[in-house]
Amino acid sequence: MSDSRSDPQPKTVSEAVSPSSLVIAIDGPAAAGKGTLARRLAEALGLACLDSGALYRAVGLAVLRAGGDPADEATAAAAAGTLDTGRLSDPALRTPEAGDAASKVAAFPSVREALLEFQRRFAREPPAGCRGAVLDGRDIGTVVCPDAPVKIFVTASPDERARRRFAELQAAGAEAIYAAVLSELRERDGRDSSRAVAPLKPADDAAILDTSALDAETAFRAALDIVAQRAPGWRRLVQDVR
């Protein structure tokens, strides 16, 4: 709780007395906006941020680069067990090929188990200087951090998500066909939602944030409202960064 004798109008987390540690779990399908939202929340509230999807993309990409098949569990599990986290900033992780491979390797229990403790440790022991963490993925609120006080399931219509992904690909100079992008998203949605282990679904106590008609700023402010509601100790800081 903030000390009323401190600066009455702090503008950043560092200018105020920090509340207790906080974990924010953000889940949702591809291109719903959860990654952008997670990064903005982390920056605004002074939290560490982990894109769990990058872990699976890195595993899938490692398999592809080794000439393996992401649909082969033994190969995928071996890559997960030797994952080099230094590759999490590789631009190739954002390619459609890496995304498709990630969806395939993520269906394997052995791969998920190998990456589960890494994610939980990040939430439990965030980097120095951070009073908590924001993790985004597809099973953060249901499996990785089921006790997180703030859980947000970010979604959007398939058409809107395909439009966003298509625009991203065009901006990156990649050749893309909208119909193909939409088809790939729907295929991935089906695969992620129907897998036997940790399927994509909202946690029972998650707040649903539909960004279909929202720009990034409006979605961010809606998420801040959710944080203030679910984590009362952080309300003052949320007000300060709005």
Foldseek 3Di string as FASTA:
>chain_A
DWDCPADVQDQAQVRTDDDAFAEAEEEEAAQLCRVVLQVVVCVRHVAAEAEVLLLLLQLLVVQVVVVHDLLDQVSSLVSLQVPDCVCSPPPVSPDPSSNVSSLNNVLDPSNCVSCLVVLLCCQVPPPPRGNGYYYYYQQCCPPNCVPGLAYEYGYEDLLLSLVSVVVVCVVVVHDDDSVVSSVSRVVSLVSQQPRPPRRGDGDPPHHYHYCHPPDPVVSNLVSLVRCCVRPVSCVVSSVSND
